[in-house]
């Protein structure tokens, strides 16, 4: 992500690109696996977040309210925790979330990301009450892909 901004040709960009380099700084600095050292919560399981919650829930809330709801497209990139193997790398999208148009556009974006392996996850959410992943927030952000 640190190199991405320098690779973007702004003359070819239509709209605004938001890059969040490290979403959970306490976990990154603390070198913790899965759980943030403050509040012992996993950011990847904390969406849409809570402004009055733990640090992790507040980070999820800010990402939801300041980034996700303003996005037409969302690429959620995970670097892998200490014990995770991310090889081969893959792109993924949900086959049920957001309706046919969103699913087709999510698949197009997953393919365009350029990785050899594309995974189609099943699953949809009926309400934000069921949300824990960024993928559940398609009601606010109509087009998304989860990696």
N, C-alpha and C. Protein backbone atom coordinates (compact mmCIF):
# COMPACT_ATOMS: atom_id res chain seq x y z
N UNK A 1 0.83 -1.20 0.00
CA UNK A 1 0.00 0.00 0.00
C UNK A 1 0.87 1.25 0.00
N UNK A 2 2.04 1.15 0.61
CA UNK A 2 2.92 2.32 0.66
C UNK A 2 3.41 2.69 -0.73
N UNK A 3 3.51 1.75 -1.62
CA UNK A 3 3.97 2.02 -2.98
C UNK A 3 2.82 2.34 -3.94
N UNK A 4 1.61 2.00 -3.57
CA UNK A 4 0.47 2.16 -4.48
C UNK A 4 0.26 3.60 -4.91
N UNK A 5 0.30 4.52 -3.99
CA UNK A 5 0.04 5.93 -4.33
C UNK A 5 0.97 6.42 -5.42
N UNK A 6 2.22 6.01 -5.38
CA UNK A 6 3.18 6.42 -6.38
C UNK A 6 2.96 5.78 -7.74
N UNK A 7 2.20 4.71 -7.78
CA UNK A 7 1.93 4.01 -9.04
C UNK A 7 0.66 4.48 -9.73
N UNK A 8 -0.10 5.31 -9.05
CA UNK A 8 -1.37 5.79 -9.61
C UNK A 8 -1.11 6.98 -10.52
N UNK A 9 -1.62 6.89 -11.73
CA UNK A 9 -1.56 8.01 -12.67
C UNK A 9 -2.82 8.84 -12.45
N UNK A 10 -2.67 9.98 -11.77
CA UNK A 10 -3.84 10.78 -11.41
C UNK A 10 -4.60 11.28 -12.63
N UNK A 11 -3.96 11.38 -13.78
CA UNK A 11 -4.68 11.81 -14.99
C UNK A 11 -5.64 10.72 -15.48
N UNK A 12 -5.43 9.48 -15.01
CA UNK A 12 -6.31 8.38 -15.38
C UNK A 12 -7.33 8.06 -14.28
N UNK A 13 -7.29 8.81 -13.22
CA UNK A 13 -8.15 8.56 -12.07
C UNK A 13 -9.40 9.41 -12.16
N UNK A 14 -10.53 8.78 -12.01
CA UNK A 14 -11.81 9.48 -11.97
C UNK A 14 -12.39 9.29 -10.57
N UNK A 15 -12.38 10.33 -9.78
CA UNK A 15 -12.88 10.20 -8.42
C UNK A 15 -11.74 10.33 -7.42
N UNK A 16 -11.96 9.79 -6.25
CA UNK A 16 -11.01 9.90 -5.16
C UNK A 16 -10.56 8.51 -4.74
N UNK A 17 -9.28 8.34 -4.55
CA UNK A 17 -8.72 7.09 -4.05
C UNK A 17 -8.32 7.30 -2.60
N UNK A 18 -8.85 6.47 -1.72
CA UNK A 18 -8.50 6.53 -0.30
C UNK A 18 -7.70 5.28 0.01
N UNK A 19 -6.51 5.47 0.53
CA UNK A 19 -5.65 4.34 0.91
C UNK A 19 -5.46 4.40 2.42
N UNK A 20 -5.88 3.35 3.10
CA UNK A 20 -5.65 3.22 4.53
C UNK A 20 -4.49 2.24 4.68
N UNK A 21 -3.33 2.76 5.01
CA UNK A 21 -2.13 1.93 5.05
C UNK A 21 -2.21 0.85 6.13
N UNK A 22 -2.46 1.24 7.33
CA UNK A 22 -2.60 0.30 8.45
C UNK A 22 -3.83 0.73 9.22
N UNK A 23 -4.83 -0.13 9.23
CA UNK A 23 -6.08 0.23 9.88
C UNK A 23 -6.00 0.09 11.40
N UNK A 24 -5.32 -0.91 11.88
CA UNK A 24 -5.28 -1.16 13.31
C UNK A 24 -3.85 -0.96 13.83
N UNK A 25 -3.51 0.29 14.05
CA UNK A 25 -2.15 0.63 14.49
C UNK A 25 -1.79 -0.01 15.83
N UNK A 26 -2.68 -0.06 16.84
CA UNK A 26 -2.28 -0.72 18.10
C UNK A 26 -1.87 -2.18 17.90
N UNK A 27 -2.59 -2.92 17.05
CA UNK A 27 -2.23 -4.31 16.80
C UNK A 27 -0.93 -4.41 16.01
N UNK A 28 -0.74 -3.50 15.04
CA UNK A 28 0.48 -3.50 14.24
C UNK A 28 1.70 -3.21 15.11
N UNK A 29 1.63 -2.16 15.88
CA UNK A 29 2.76 -1.77 16.73
C UNK A 29 2.99 -2.82 17.81
N UNK A 30 1.90 -3.38 18.35
CA UNK A 30 2.01 -4.39 19.39
C UNK A 30 2.39 -5.77 18.87
N UNK A 31 2.43 -5.93 17.53
CA UNK A 31 2.76 -7.20 16.88
C UNK A 31 1.92 -8.35 17.43
N UNK A 32 0.63 -8.08 17.61
CA UNK A 32 -0.26 -9.09 18.14
C UNK A 32 -0.91 -9.88 17.01
N UNK A 33 -1.24 -11.12 17.28
CA UNK A 33 -1.90 -11.98 16.31
C UNK A 33 -3.39 -11.97 16.59
N UNK A 34 -4.18 -11.61 15.61
CA UNK A 34 -5.64 -11.61 15.64
C UNK A 34 -6.26 -10.54 16.53
N UNK A 35 -5.83 -10.42 17.76
CA UNK A 35 -6.49 -9.53 18.71
C UNK A 35 -5.67 -8.27 18.96
N UNK A 36 -6.37 -7.14 18.98
CA UNK A 36 -5.73 -5.88 19.31
C UNK A 36 -5.37 -5.89 20.79
N UNK A 37 -4.22 -5.35 21.16
CA UNK A 37 -3.83 -5.39 22.56
C UNK A 37 -4.75 -4.57 23.47
N UNK A 38 -5.46 -3.61 22.91
CA UNK A 38 -6.39 -2.81 23.70
C UNK A 38 -7.80 -3.33 23.45
N UNK A 39 -8.36 -4.04 24.37
CA UNK A 39 -9.72 -4.53 24.23
C UNK A 39 -9.83 -5.97 23.76
N UNK A 40 -8.73 -6.54 23.30
CA UNK A 40 -8.67 -7.94 22.87
C UNK A 40 -9.77 -8.31 21.88
N UNK A 41 -9.93 -7.48 20.84
CA UNK A 41 -10.91 -7.74 19.79
C UNK A 41 -10.19 -7.82 18.45
N UNK A 42 -10.78 -8.58 17.53
CA UNK A 42 -10.25 -8.74 16.19
C UNK A 42 -10.94 -7.72 15.28
N UNK A 43 -10.19 -6.81 14.69
CA UNK A 43 -10.79 -5.79 13.84
C UNK A 43 -11.59 -6.41 12.70
N UNK A 44 -11.11 -7.50 12.15
CA UNK A 44 -11.80 -8.15 11.04
C UNK A 44 -13.15 -8.73 11.44
N UNK A 45 -13.45 -8.76 12.72
CA UNK A 45 -14.73 -9.29 13.21
C UNK A 45 -15.53 -8.22 13.96
N UNK A 46 -15.20 -6.95 13.74
CA UNK A 46 -15.77 -5.88 14.56
C UNK A 46 -16.61 -4.87 13.81
N UNK A 47 -16.97 -5.15 12.57
CA UNK A 47 -17.74 -4.19 11.77
C UNK A 47 -19.23 -4.33 12.01
N UNK A 48 -19.99 -3.27 11.98
CA UNK A 48 -19.65 -1.92 11.57
C UNK A 48 -19.00 -1.07 12.66
N UNK A 49 -18.76 -1.64 13.82
CA UNK A 49 -18.07 -0.92 14.87
C UNK A 49 -19.01 -0.20 15.81
N UNK A 50 -18.41 0.50 16.76
CA UNK A 50 -19.17 1.21 17.78
C UNK A 50 -18.35 2.41 18.24
N UNK A 51 -18.86 3.59 18.05
CA UNK A 51 -18.13 4.81 18.41
C UNK A 51 -17.83 4.87 19.90
N UNK A 52 -18.61 4.20 20.72
CA UNK A 52 -18.40 4.21 22.17
C UNK A 52 -17.76 2.93 22.68
N UNK A 53 -17.30 2.07 21.77
CA UNK A 53 -16.76 0.77 22.16
C UNK A 53 -15.27 0.78 22.45
N UNK A 54 -14.68 -0.39 22.34
CA UNK A 54 -13.24 -0.54 22.54
C UNK A 54 -12.50 0.19 21.42
N UNK A 55 -11.20 0.29 21.54
CA UNK A 55 -10.41 0.93 20.49
C UNK A 55 -10.65 0.24 19.15
N UNK A 56 -10.67 -1.08 19.15
CA UNK A 56 -10.91 -1.83 17.92
C UNK A 56 -12.29 -1.52 17.35
N UNK A 57 -13.31 -1.48 18.19
CA UNK A 57 -14.66 -1.16 17.71
C UNK A 57 -14.74 0.27 17.20
N UNK A 58 -13.99 1.18 17.81
CA UNK A 58 -13.96 2.57 17.33
C UNK A 58 -13.24 2.69 15.99
N UNK A 59 -12.18 1.90 15.81
CA UNK A 59 -11.49 1.88 14.51
C UNK A 59 -12.45 1.37 13.45
N UNK A 60 -13.16 0.29 13.73
CA UNK A 60 -14.13 -0.26 12.77
C UNK A 60 -15.22 0.76 12.47
N UNK A 61 -15.68 1.45 13.48
CA UNK A 61 -16.71 2.47 13.28
C UNK A 61 -16.21 3.59 12.36
N UNK A 62 -15.00 4.06 12.60
CA UNK A 62 -14.45 5.13 11.78
C UNK A 62 -14.21 4.67 10.35
N UNK A 63 -13.71 3.46 10.17
CA UNK A 63 -13.55 2.93 8.81
C UNK A 63 -14.90 2.83 8.11
N UNK A 64 -15.91 2.38 8.85
CA UNK A 64 -17.25 2.26 8.27
C UNK A 64 -17.82 3.63 7.91
N UNK A 65 -17.77 4.57 8.84
CA UNK A 65 -18.45 5.86 8.64
C UNK A 65 -17.65 6.84 7.78
N UNK A 66 -16.34 6.73 7.78
CA UNK A 66 -15.52 7.69 7.05
C UNK A 66 -14.98 7.17 5.72
N UNK A 67 -14.88 5.86 5.57
CA UNK A 67 -14.32 5.30 4.34
C UNK A 67 -15.36 4.46 3.60
N UNK A 68 -15.89 3.44 4.25
CA UNK A 68 -16.73 2.46 3.56
C UNK A 68 -18.01 3.09 3.02
N UNK A 69 -18.71 3.87 3.82
CA UNK A 69 -19.98 4.43 3.35
C UNK A 69 -19.80 5.43 2.22
N UNK A 70 -18.60 5.94 2.04
CA UNK A 70 -18.32 6.90 0.96
C UNK A 70 -17.78 6.23 -0.29
N UNK A 71 -17.63 4.92 -0.23
CA UNK A 71 -16.95 4.20 -1.31
C UNK A 71 -17.91 3.58 -2.29
N UNK A 72 -17.53 3.65 -3.56
CA UNK A 72 -18.22 2.86 -4.58
C UNK A 72 -17.58 1.49 -4.66
N UNK A 73 -16.29 1.41 -4.40
CA UNK A 73 -15.55 0.16 -4.41
C UNK A 73 -14.69 0.08 -3.16
N UNK A 74 -14.57 -1.12 -2.62
CA UNK A 74 -13.74 -1.33 -1.45
C UNK A 74 -12.90 -2.57 -1.69
N UNK A 75 -11.60 -2.43 -1.54
CA UNK A 75 -10.70 -3.57 -1.60
C UNK A 75 -10.13 -3.72 -0.19
N UNK A 76 -10.47 -4.80 0.46
CA UNK A 76 -10.06 -5.07 1.84
C UNK A 76 -8.88 -6.04 1.77
N UNK A 77 -7.68 -5.54 2.03
CA UNK A 77 -6.47 -6.34 1.88
C UNK A 77 -5.94 -6.73 3.25
N UNK A 78 -5.69 -8.01 3.42
CA UNK A 78 -5.16 -8.53 4.69
C UNK A 78 -3.73 -8.99 4.49
N UNK A 79 -2.80 -8.50 5.32
CA UNK A 79 -1.41 -8.91 5.16
C UNK A 79 -1.11 -10.27 5.75
N UNK A 80 -2.02 -10.80 6.55
CA UNK A 80 -1.78 -12.09 7.19
C UNK A 80 -1.19 -11.91 8.57
N UNK A 81 -1.69 -12.69 9.51
CA UNK A 81 -1.14 -12.66 10.85
C UNK A 81 0.09 -13.57 10.90
N UNK A 82 0.74 -13.60 12.03
CA UNK A 82 2.01 -14.29 12.18
C UNK A 82 1.94 -15.76 11.76
N UNK A 83 0.83 -16.40 11.97
CA UNK A 83 0.75 -17.83 11.67
C UNK A 83 -0.03 -18.13 10.39
N UNK A 84 -0.37 -17.12 9.61
CA UNK A 84 -1.14 -17.35 8.39
C UNK A 84 -0.23 -17.40 7.18
N UNK A 85 -0.52 -18.33 6.31
CA UNK A 85 0.18 -18.40 5.04
C UNK A 85 -0.71 -17.78 3.98
N UNK A 86 -0.23 -16.77 3.33
CA UNK A 86 -1.01 -16.10 2.29
C UNK A 86 -0.51 -16.47 0.90
N UNK A 87 0.08 -17.60 0.77
CA UNK A 87 0.52 -18.09 -0.52
C UNK A 87 -0.25 -19.35 -0.85
N UNK A 88 -0.85 -19.49 -1.96
CA UNK A 88 -0.88 -18.46 -2.97
C UNK A 88 -1.84 -17.33 -2.57
N UNK A 89 -1.52 -16.13 -3.00
CA UNK A 89 -2.41 -15.00 -2.76
C UNK A 89 -3.67 -15.18 -3.59
N UNK A 90 -4.77 -14.63 -3.13
CA UNK A 90 -6.01 -14.78 -3.87
C UNK A 90 -6.89 -13.55 -3.71
N UNK A 91 -7.78 -13.39 -4.65
CA UNK A 91 -8.86 -12.40 -4.56
C UNK A 91 -10.13 -13.16 -4.32
N UNK A 92 -11.07 -12.53 -3.65
CA UNK A 92 -12.34 -13.21 -3.39
C UNK A 92 -13.47 -12.21 -3.46
N UNK A 93 -14.66 -12.73 -3.67
CA UNK A 93 -15.87 -11.92 -3.66
C UNK A 93 -17.01 -12.80 -3.17
N UNK A 94 -18.08 -12.16 -2.75
CA UNK A 94 -19.24 -12.89 -2.24
C UNK A 94 -20.26 -13.06 -3.35
N UNK A 95 -20.79 -14.27 -3.49
CA UNK A 95 -21.68 -14.58 -4.61
C UNK A 95 -23.13 -14.22 -4.33
N UNK A 96 -23.46 -13.81 -3.12
CA UNK A 96 -24.86 -13.52 -2.80
C UNK A 96 -25.08 -12.09 -2.29
N UNK A 97 -24.04 -11.44 -1.84
CA UNK A 97 -24.21 -10.16 -1.16
C UNK A 97 -24.44 -9.02 -2.14
N UNK A 98 -25.53 -8.29 -1.97
CA UNK A 98 -25.75 -7.07 -2.72
C UNK A 98 -26.51 -7.18 -4.01
N UNK A 99 -26.97 -8.33 -4.39
CA UNK A 99 -27.74 -8.46 -5.63
C UNK A 99 -26.85 -8.76 -6.83
N UNK A 100 -27.48 -9.09 -7.95
CA UNK A 100 -26.76 -9.55 -9.14
C UNK A 100 -25.76 -8.54 -9.68
N UNK A 101 -26.13 -7.27 -9.72
CA UNK A 101 -25.23 -6.25 -10.25
C UNK A 101 -23.98 -6.10 -9.38
N UNK A 102 -24.18 -6.09 -8.08
CA UNK A 102 -23.05 -5.96 -7.16
C UNK A 102 -22.15 -7.19 -7.24
N UNK A 103 -22.75 -8.37 -7.32
CA UNK A 103 -21.96 -9.60 -7.41
C UNK A 103 -21.14 -9.60 -8.70
N UNK A 104 -21.75 -9.23 -9.82
CA UNK A 104 -21.04 -9.20 -11.10
C UNK A 104 -19.89 -8.19 -11.06
N UNK A 105 -20.12 -7.02 -10.48
CA UNK A 105 -19.09 -6.00 -10.40
C UNK A 105 -17.99 -6.43 -9.42
N UNK A 106 -18.37 -7.08 -8.34
CA UNK A 106 -17.38 -7.58 -7.38
C UNK A 106 -16.48 -8.63 -8.03
N UNK A 107 -17.08 -9.51 -8.82
CA UNK A 107 -16.30 -10.52 -9.53
C UNK A 107 -15.36 -9.85 -10.52
N UNK A 108 -15.85 -8.86 -11.26
CA UNK A 108 -15.02 -8.15 -12.23
C UNK A 108 -13.81 -7.52 -11.54
N UNK A 109 -14.05 -6.90 -10.39
CA UNK A 109 -12.96 -6.27 -9.66
C UNK A 109 -11.98 -7.30 -9.12
N UNK A 110 -12.48 -8.42 -8.62
CA UNK A 110 -11.61 -9.48 -8.12
C UNK A 110 -10.70 -10.01 -9.23
N UNK A 111 -11.25 -10.19 -10.42
CA UNK A 111 -10.46 -10.65 -11.56
C UNK A 111 -9.46 -9.57 -11.98
N UNK A 112 -9.90 -8.31 -12.03
CA UNK A 112 -9.04 -7.21 -12.44
C UNK A 112 -7.88 -6.99 -11.47
N UNK A 113 -8.04 -7.43 -10.24
CA UNK A 113 -6.97 -7.27 -9.25
C UNK A 113 -5.70 -7.99 -9.71
N UNK A 114 -5.88 -9.01 -10.56
CA UNK A 114 -4.74 -9.61 -11.23
C UNK A 114 -4.09 -10.81 -10.57
N UNK A 115 -4.69 -11.35 -9.53
CA UNK A 115 -4.11 -12.53 -8.91
C UNK A 115 -4.62 -13.78 -9.62
N UNK A 116 -3.82 -14.82 -9.59
CA UNK A 116 -4.16 -16.04 -10.32
C UNK A 116 -5.37 -16.77 -9.75
N UNK A 117 -5.52 -16.74 -8.43
CA UNK A 117 -6.61 -17.48 -7.79
C UNK A 117 -7.74 -16.53 -7.40
N UNK A 118 -8.95 -16.87 -7.84
CA UNK A 118 -10.15 -16.10 -7.49
C UNK A 118 -11.07 -17.05 -6.74
N UNK A 119 -11.53 -16.63 -5.57
CA UNK A 119 -12.41 -17.46 -4.75
C UNK A 119 -13.76 -16.79 -4.63
N UNK A 120 -14.81 -17.58 -4.80
CA UNK A 120 -16.18 -17.08 -4.66
C UNK A 120 -16.71 -17.60 -3.32
N UNK A 121 -16.94 -16.68 -2.39
CA UNK A 121 -17.49 -17.05 -1.09
C UNK A 121 -19.01 -16.98 -1.17
N UNK A 122 -19.67 -17.83 -0.42
CA UNK A 122 -21.12 -17.71 -0.32
C UNK A 122 -21.44 -16.94 0.94
N UNK A 123 -22.65 -16.44 1.02
CA UNK A 123 -23.06 -15.75 2.23
C UNK A 123 -23.54 -14.35 1.98
N UNK A 124 -24.61 -14.02 2.63
CA UNK A 124 -25.18 -12.69 2.55
C UNK A 124 -25.71 -12.36 3.94
N UNK A 125 -26.01 -11.12 4.14
CA UNK A 125 -26.49 -10.68 5.44
C UNK A 125 -27.83 -9.98 5.26
N UNK A 126 -28.73 -10.23 6.17
CA UNK A 126 -30.05 -9.61 6.10
C UNK A 126 -30.10 -8.25 6.79
N UNK A 127 -29.17 -7.99 7.69
CA UNK A 127 -29.16 -6.71 8.38
C UNK A 127 -27.76 -6.41 8.87
N UNK A 128 -27.52 -5.15 9.21
CA UNK A 128 -26.22 -4.78 9.76
C UNK A 128 -26.01 -5.39 11.14
N UNK A 129 -27.09 -5.84 11.78
CA UNK A 129 -26.94 -6.51 13.07
C UNK A 129 -26.14 -7.80 12.92
N UNK A 130 -26.18 -8.39 11.72
CA UNK A 130 -25.44 -9.62 11.45
C UNK A 130 -23.99 -9.34 11.04
N UNK A 131 -23.66 -8.09 10.82
CA UNK A 131 -22.35 -7.74 10.28
C UNK A 131 -21.24 -7.96 11.30
N UNK A 132 -20.15 -8.52 10.82
CA UNK A 132 -18.89 -8.50 11.57
C UNK A 132 -17.74 -8.19 10.62
N UNK A 133 -17.89 -8.55 9.36
CA UNK A 133 -16.86 -8.31 8.35
C UNK A 133 -17.24 -7.09 7.52
N UNK A 134 -16.26 -6.50 6.84
CA UNK A 134 -16.56 -5.38 5.96
C UNK A 134 -17.53 -5.80 4.86
N UNK A 135 -17.53 -7.06 4.49
CA UNK A 135 -18.40 -7.54 3.40
C UNK A 135 -19.87 -7.41 3.73
N UNK A 136 -20.21 -7.33 4.99
CA UNK A 136 -21.61 -7.24 5.39
C UNK A 136 -22.17 -5.84 5.23
N UNK A 137 -21.33 -4.90 4.86
CA UNK A 137 -21.75 -3.51 4.84
C UNK A 137 -22.17 -3.05 3.46
N UNK A 138 -22.55 -3.98 2.59
CA UNK A 138 -22.88 -3.59 1.22
C UNK A 138 -24.08 -2.68 1.13
N UNK A 139 -24.89 -2.61 2.16
CA UNK A 139 -26.03 -1.69 2.11
C UNK A 139 -25.58 -0.25 2.08
N UNK A 140 -24.46 0.07 2.79
CA UNK A 140 -23.93 1.42 2.74
C UNK A 140 -23.00 1.61 1.54
N UNK A 141 -22.22 0.61 1.24
CA UNK A 141 -21.27 0.68 0.14
C UNK A 141 -21.68 -0.35 -0.90
N UNK A 142 -22.37 0.07 -1.95
CA UNK A 142 -23.02 -0.88 -2.85
C UNK A 142 -22.09 -1.78 -3.64
N UNK A 143 -20.85 -1.43 -3.81
CA UNK A 143 -19.94 -2.26 -4.57
C UNK A 143 -18.69 -2.53 -3.75
N UNK A 144 -18.37 -3.79 -3.54
CA UNK A 144 -17.23 -4.11 -2.72
C UNK A 144 -16.66 -5.45 -3.13
N UNK A 145 -15.46 -5.70 -2.75
CA UNK A 145 -14.84 -7.02 -2.88
C UNK A 145 -13.97 -7.23 -1.66
N UNK A 146 -13.97 -8.43 -1.17
CA UNK A 146 -13.19 -8.77 0.02
C UNK A 146 -12.06 -9.70 -0.41
N UNK A 147 -10.89 -9.43 0.01
CA UNK A 147 -9.74 -10.29 -0.29
C UNK A 147 -9.33 -10.98 1.00
